[in-house]
Amino acid sequence: MTTKIRPLSQLPKALLDARASFDCGTPVLNRYLAQNASQHEARNINRTFCGIRDGALAGFYSLTNATVDVSAISPGVIKKYKLPTHLLPAVRLSRLAVDVRFQRKGLGKCLMIDAMSRVIRVADLSGCIGLVVDAKDDKAAKFYEGFGFRQTPEHELLLFMPLPEIQTLFATG
């Protein structure tokens, strides 16, 4: 199955109208896409990217800028990448959802890979130390850990992936 990923702002009207019927099984994420994503785009709060399969709005993710208190990251990561221990820029994956009709078909992986590729672009343009995500539950945390994200010492649902590791994933294919 081919997946196209497009910015929300570039979706055709038919797909924008279909947001009301998007159902990932989590009402707050469904509502966000239907009611708030366009407003957040217009206000430059975040950017939302949509996965399209078989002509349907199949999933989405949102990115925003963030600062990370590096002291909350694992000491091993701080040492390995020689990070200073104060607030540093990062990209936050603020939401990721797949419509129930498309779950367990690899779309979440496609969205995640696309998000990581955009983090590399952000780093090239303005600098950032990596990607951070607040997993909604243990199941979501396991999904992110499968890509190499690490739990932070003080909050098991806050996960971080250093930029050099994202870059290595893309360099090795």
C-alpha atoms as a PDB file:
ATOM      1  CA  MET A   1       0.000   0.000   0.000  1.00  0.00           C
ATOM      2  CA  THR A   2       1.262   3.416  -0.930  1.00  0.00           C
ATOM      3  CA  THR A   3       1.092   6.150   1.662  1.00  0.00           C
ATOM      4  CA  LYS A   4       1.316   9.811   0.769  1.00  0.00           C
ATOM      5  CA  ILE A   5       2.074  12.218   3.575  1.00  0.00           C
ATOM      6  CA  ARG A   6       0.929  15.790   3.086  1.00  0.00           C
ATOM      7  CA  PRO A   7       0.833  18.862   5.298  1.00  0.00           C
ATOM      8  CA  LEU A   8      -2.682  19.493   6.617  1.00  0.00           C
ATOM      9  CA  SER A   9      -2.614  22.895   4.923  1.00  0.00           C
ATOM     10  CA  GLN A  10      -2.213  21.205   1.530  1.00  0.00           C
ATOM     11  CA  LEU A  11      -5.001  18.647   1.774  1.00  0.00           C
ATOM     12  CA  PRO A  12      -7.782  18.818  -0.800  1.00  0.00           C
ATOM     13  CA  LYS A  13     -11.163  19.985   0.494  1.00  0.00           C
ATOM     14  CA  ALA A  14     -12.639  16.464   0.394  1.00  0.00           C
ATOM     15  CA  LEU A  15      -9.987  15.182   2.810  1.00  0.00           C
ATOM     16  CA  LEU A  16     -10.291  18.253   5.041  1.00  0.00           C
ATOM     17  CA  ASP A  17     -14.028  17.601   5.231  1.00  0.00           C
ATOM     18  CA  ALA A  18     -13.328  13.928   6.076  1.00  0.00           C
ATOM     19  CA  ARG A  19     -11.573  14.901   9.321  1.00  0.00           C
ATOM     20  CA  ALA A  20     -14.885  14.731  11.172  1.00  0.00           C
ATOM     21  CA  SER A  21     -15.151  11.011  10.426  1.00  0.00           C
ATOM     22  CA  PHE A  22     -11.541  10.189  11.393  1.00  0.00           C
ATOM     23  CA  ASP A  23     -11.539   7.646  14.230  1.00  0.00           C
ATOM     24  CA  CYS A  24      -8.345   6.378  15.809  1.00  0.00           C
ATOM     25  CA  GLY A  25     -10.160   5.029  18.859  1.00  0.00           C
ATOM     26  CA  THR A  26      -9.043   7.949  21.047  1.00  0.00           C
ATOM     27  CA  PRO A  27     -11.708  10.697  21.135  1.00  0.00           C
ATOM     28  CA  VAL A  28      -9.315  13.484  22.169  1.00  0.00           C
ATOM     29  CA  LEU A  29      -7.093  12.806  19.122  1.00  0.00           C
ATOM     30  CA  ASN A  30     -10.119  12.606  16.825  1.00  0.00           C
ATOM     31  CA  ARG A  31     -11.382  15.944  18.166  1.00  0.00           C
ATOM     32  CA  TYR A  32      -7.961  17.539  17.801  1.00  0.00           C
ATOM     33  CA  LEU A  33      -7.769  16.685  14.109  1.00  0.00           C
ATOM     34  CA  ALA A  34     -11.363  17.724  13.413  1.00  0.00           C
ATOM     35  CA  GLN A  35     -11.534  20.877  15.528  1.00  0.00           C
ATOM     36  CA  ASN A  36      -8.118  22.240  16.499  1.00  0.00           C
ATOM     37  CA  ALA A  37      -5.398  21.229  14.036  1.00  0.00           C
ATOM     38  CA  SER A  38      -6.230  23.920  11.455  1.00  0.00           C
ATOM     39  CA  GLN A  39      -6.417  26.601  14.150  1.00  0.00           C
ATOM     40  CA  HIS A  40      -3.026  25.569  15.510  1.00  0.00           C
ATOM     41  CA  GLU A  41      -1.582  25.681  11.992  1.00  0.00           C
ATOM     42  CA  ALA A  42      -2.930  29.194  11.446  1.00  0.00           C
ATOM     43  CA  ARG A  43      -1.483  30.363  14.769  1.00  0.00           C
ATOM     44  CA  ASN A  44       1.916  28.702  14.125  1.00  0.00           C
ATOM     45  CA  ILE A  45       1.576  26.541  17.229  1.00  0.00           C
ATOM     46  CA  ASN A  46       2.422  23.330  15.397  1.00  0.00           C
ATOM     47  CA  ARG A  47       2.336  21.617  12.031  1.00  0.00           C
ATOM     48  CA  THR A  48       0.182  18.610  11.259  1.00  0.00           C
ATOM     49  CA  PHE A  49       0.999  16.080   8.559  1.00  0.00           C
ATOM     50  CA  CYS A  50      -1.570  13.614   7.238  1.00  0.00           C
ATOM     51  CA  GLY A  51      -1.128  10.106   5.895  1.00  0.00           C
ATOM     52  CA  ILE A  52      -3.321   9.306   2.927  1.00  0.00           C
ATOM     53  CA  ARG A  53      -4.014   5.721   1.840  1.00  0.00           C
ATOM     54  CA  ASP A  54      -6.520   4.522  -0.706  1.00  0.00           C
ATOM     55  CA  GLY A  55      -7.766   8.099  -1.044  1.00  0.00           C
ATOM     56  CA  ALA A  56      -8.659   8.274   2.663  1.00  0.00           C
ATOM     57  CA  LEU A  57      -7.293  10.289   5.548  1.00  0.00           C
ATOM     58  CA  ALA A  58      -5.654   7.363   7.335  1.00  0.00           C
ATOM     59  CA  GLY A  59      -3.494   8.981  10.015  1.00  0.00           C
ATOM     60  CA  PHE A  60      -1.716  12.105  11.165  1.00  0.00           C
ATOM     61  CA  TYR A  61       1.006  13.477  13.371  1.00  0.00           C
ATOM     62  CA  SER A  62       1.828  16.930  14.694  1.00  0.00           C
ATOM     63  CA  LEU A  63       5.195  18.517  15.419  1.00  0.00           C
ATOM     64  CA  THR A  64       6.008  21.564  17.492  1.00  0.00           C
ATOM     65  CA  ASN A  65       9.120  23.243  18.795  1.00  0.00           C
ATOM     66  CA  ALA A  66      10.076  22.577  22.375  1.00  0.00           C
ATOM     67  CA  THR A  67      12.792  22.986  24.909  1.00  0.00           C
ATOM     68  CA  VAL A  68      14.071  20.032  26.848  1.00  0.00           C
ATOM     69  CA  ASP A  69      15.561  20.178  30.305  1.00  0.00           C
ATOM     70  CA  VAL A  70      18.536  18.034  29.463  1.00  0.00           C
ATOM     71  CA  SER A  71      19.045  17.167  33.114  1.00  0.00           C
ATOM     72  CA  ALA A  72      15.855  15.082  32.773  1.00  0.00           C
ATOM     73  CA  ILE A  73      17.446  12.957  30.048  1.00  0.00           C
ATOM     74  CA  SER A  74      19.386   9.840  30.865  1.00  0.00           C
ATOM     75  CA  PRO A  75      22.923  10.636  32.088  1.00  0.00           C
ATOM     76  CA  GLY A  76      24.334   8.195  29.539  1.00  0.00           C
ATOM     77  CA  VAL A  77      22.834  10.200  26.651  1.00  0.00           C
ATOM     78  CA  ILE A  78      24.111  13.476  28.114  1.00  0.00           C
ATOM     79  CA  LYS A  79      27.613  12.043  28.402  1.00  0.00           C
ATOM     80  CA  LYS A  80      27.642  10.265  25.022  1.00  0.00           C
ATOM     81  CA  TYR A  81      26.569  13.366  23.069  1.00  0.00           C
ATOM     82  CA  LYS A  82      28.337  15.877  25.333  1.00  0.00           C
ATOM     83  CA  LEU A  83      25.166  17.864  25.945  1.00  0.00           C
ATOM     84  CA  PRO A  84      25.206  20.846  28.261  1.00  0.00           C
ATOM     85  CA  THR A  85      22.778  20.467  31.156  1.00  0.00           C
ATOM     86  CA  HIS A  86      20.320  23.297  30.644  1.00  0.00           C
ATOM     87  CA  LEU A  87      17.280  23.908  28.460  1.00  0.00           C
ATOM     88  CA  LEU A  88      18.016  23.016  24.841  1.00  0.00           C
ATOM     89  CA  PRO A  89      15.916  23.073  21.650  1.00  0.00           C
ATOM     90  CA  ALA A  90      14.151  19.920  20.505  1.00  0.00           C
ATOM     91  CA  VAL A  91      11.193  18.960  18.360  1.00  0.00           C
ATOM     92  CA  ARG A  92       8.141  17.527  20.124  1.00  0.00           C
ATOM     93  CA  LEU A  93       5.969  14.922  18.475  1.00  0.00           C
ATOM     94  CA  SER A  94       2.785  16.217  20.033  1.00  0.00           C
ATOM     95  CA  ARG A  95       0.334  13.770  18.466  1.00  0.00           C
ATOM     96  CA  LEU A  96       0.359  10.652  16.286  1.00  0.00           C
ATOM     97  CA  ALA A  97      -2.776   8.703  15.405  1.00  0.00           C
ATOM     98  CA  VAL A  98      -3.928   6.121  12.855  1.00  0.00           C
ATOM     99  CA  ASP A  99      -7.567   5.592  11.898  1.00  0.00           C
ATOM    100  CA  VAL A 100      -8.844   2.214  13.147  1.00  0.00           C
ATOM    101  CA  ARG A 101      -9.411   1.071   9.541  1.00  0.00           C
ATOM    102  CA  PHE A 102      -5.655   1.384   8.894  1.00  0.00           C
ATOM    103  CA  GLN A 103      -4.162   0.257  12.191  1.00  0.00           C
ATOM    104  CA  ARG A 104      -1.674  -2.634  12.237  1.00  0.00           C
ATOM    105  CA  LYS A 105      -0.798  -2.036   8.569  1.00  0.00           C
ATOM    106  CA  GLY A 106       2.456  -0.106   8.967  1.00  0.00           C
ATOM    107  CA  LEU A 107       1.017   3.392   8.702  1.00  0.00           C
ATOM    108  CA  GLY A 108       2.240   4.403  12.173  1.00  0.00           C
ATOM    109  CA  LYS A 109       5.761   3.447  11.097  1.00  0.00           C
ATOM    110  CA  CYS A 110       5.437   5.508   7.896  1.00  0.00           C
ATOM    111  CA  LEU A 111       4.258   8.520   9.891  1.00  0.00           C
ATOM    112  CA  MET A 112       7.068   8.110  12.429  1.00  0.00           C
ATOM    113  CA  ILE A 113       9.738   7.866   9.727  1.00  0.00           C
ATOM    114  CA  ASP A 114       8.359  10.967   8.033  1.00  0.00           C
ATOM    115  CA  ALA A 115       8.367  12.843  11.349  1.00  0.00           C
ATOM    116  CA  MET A 116      11.988  11.899  12.007  1.00  0.00           C
ATOM    117  CA  SER A 117      12.990  13.051   8.516  1.00  0.00           C
ATOM    118  CA  ARG A 118      11.431  16.433   9.264  1.00  0.00           C
ATOM    119  CA  VAL A 119      13.352  16.645  12.551  1.00  0.00           C
ATOM    120  CA  ILE A 120      16.572  16.318  10.549  1.00  0.00           C
ATOM    121  CA  ARG A 121      15.427  19.224   8.370  1.00  0.00           C
ATOM    122  CA  VAL A 122      14.625  21.321  11.440  1.00  0.00           C
ATOM    123  CA  ALA A 123      18.096  20.602  12.801  1.00  0.00           C
ATOM    124  CA  ASP A 124      19.622  21.702   9.502  1.00  0.00           C
ATOM    125  CA  LEU A 125      17.672  24.976   9.566  1.00  0.00           C
ATOM    126  CA  SER A 126      17.734  26.016  13.201  1.00  0.00           C
ATOM    127  CA  GLY A 127      19.302  23.330  15.351  1.00  0.00           C
ATOM    128  CA  CYS A 128      17.796  20.870  17.799  1.00  0.00           C
ATOM    129  CA  ILE A 129      19.090  18.028  19.931  1.00  0.00           C
ATOM    130  CA  GLY A 130      16.472  15.459  19.031  1.00  0.00           C
ATOM    131  CA  LEU A 131      12.865  14.388  19.204  1.00  0.00           C
ATOM    132  CA  VAL A 132      10.797  14.171  22.361  1.00  0.00           C
ATOM    133  CA  VAL A 133       7.363  12.607  22.821  1.00  0.00           C
ATOM    134  CA  ASP A 134       4.931  12.229  25.701  1.00  0.00           C
ATOM    135  CA  ALA A 135       3.504   8.739  25.188  1.00  0.00           C
ATOM    136  CA  LYS A 136      -0.143   8.492  26.209  1.00  0.00           C
ATOM    137  CA  ASP A 137       0.302   5.055  27.771  1.00  0.00           C
ATOM    138  CA  ASP A 138       2.637   2.057  28.045  1.00  0.00           C
ATOM    139  CA  LYS A 139       1.513   0.652  24.687  1.00  0.00           C
ATOM    140  CA  ALA A 140       2.402   3.912  22.933  1.00  0.00           C
ATOM    141  CA  ALA A 141       5.722   4.054  24.812  1.00  0.00           C
ATOM    142  CA  LYS A 142       6.611   0.578  23.497  1.00  0.00           C
ATOM    143  CA  PHE A 143       5.823   1.762  19.949  1.00  0.00           C
ATOM    144  CA  TYR A 144       8.271   4.670  20.296  1.00  0.00           C
ATOM    145  CA  GLU A 145      10.890   2.535  22.024  1.00  0.00           C
ATOM    146  CA  GLY A 146      10.816   0.298  18.936  1.00  0.00           C
ATOM    147  CA  PHE A 147      12.318   3.224  17.013  1.00  0.00           C
ATOM    148  CA  GLY A 148      15.046   3.808  19.596  1.00  0.00           C
ATOM    149  CA  PHE A 149      13.405   6.321  21.906  1.00  0.00           C
ATOM    150  CA  ARG A 150      14.497   6.106  25.555  1.00  0.00           C
ATOM    151  CA  GLN A 151      12.490   6.735  28.662  1.00  0.00           C
ATOM    152  CA  THR A 152      13.619   9.660  30.741  1.00  0.00           C
ATOM    153  CA  PRO A 153      14.685   8.748  34.282  1.00  0.00           C
ATOM    154  CA  GLU A 154      11.935  10.659  36.064  1.00  0.00           C
ATOM    155  CA  HIS A 155       8.961  10.035  33.774  1.00  0.00           C
ATOM    156  CA  GLU A 156       8.571   6.695  31.974  1.00  0.00           C
ATOM    157  CA  LEU A 157       6.105   8.098  29.429  1.00  0.00           C
ATOM    158  CA  LEU A 158       8.381  10.970  28.397  1.00  0.00           C
ATOM    159  CA  LEU A 159      10.696   9.604  25.726  1.00  0.00           C
ATOM    160  CA  PHE A 160      13.636  11.109  23.887  1.00  0.00           C
ATOM    161  CA  MET A 161      15.633  10.232  20.783  1.00  0.00           C
ATOM    162  CA  PRO A 162      18.901  12.114  20.218  1.00  0.00           C
ATOM    163  CA  LEU A 163      19.380  13.746  16.820  1.00  0.00           C
ATOM    164  CA  PRO A 164      22.580  11.786  15.999  1.00  0.00           C
ATOM    165  CA  GLU A 165      20.629   8.535  16.342  1.00  0.00           C
ATOM    166  CA  ILE A 166      17.881   9.805  14.036  1.00  0.00           C
ATOM    167  CA  GLN A 167      20.531  10.845  11.516  1.00  0.00           C
ATOM    168  CA  THR A 168      22.171   7.418  11.751  1.00  0.00           C
ATOM    169  CA  LEU A 169      18.859   5.702  10.989  1.00  0.00           C
ATOM    170  CA  PHE A 170      18.586   7.671   7.766  1.00  0.00           C
ATOM    171  CA  ALA A 171      22.235   7.246   6.854  1.00  0.00           C
ATOM    172  CA  THR A 172      22.028   3.461   7.132  1.00  0.00           C
ATOM    173  CA  GLY A 173      18.716   3.257   5.291  1.00  0.00           C
END
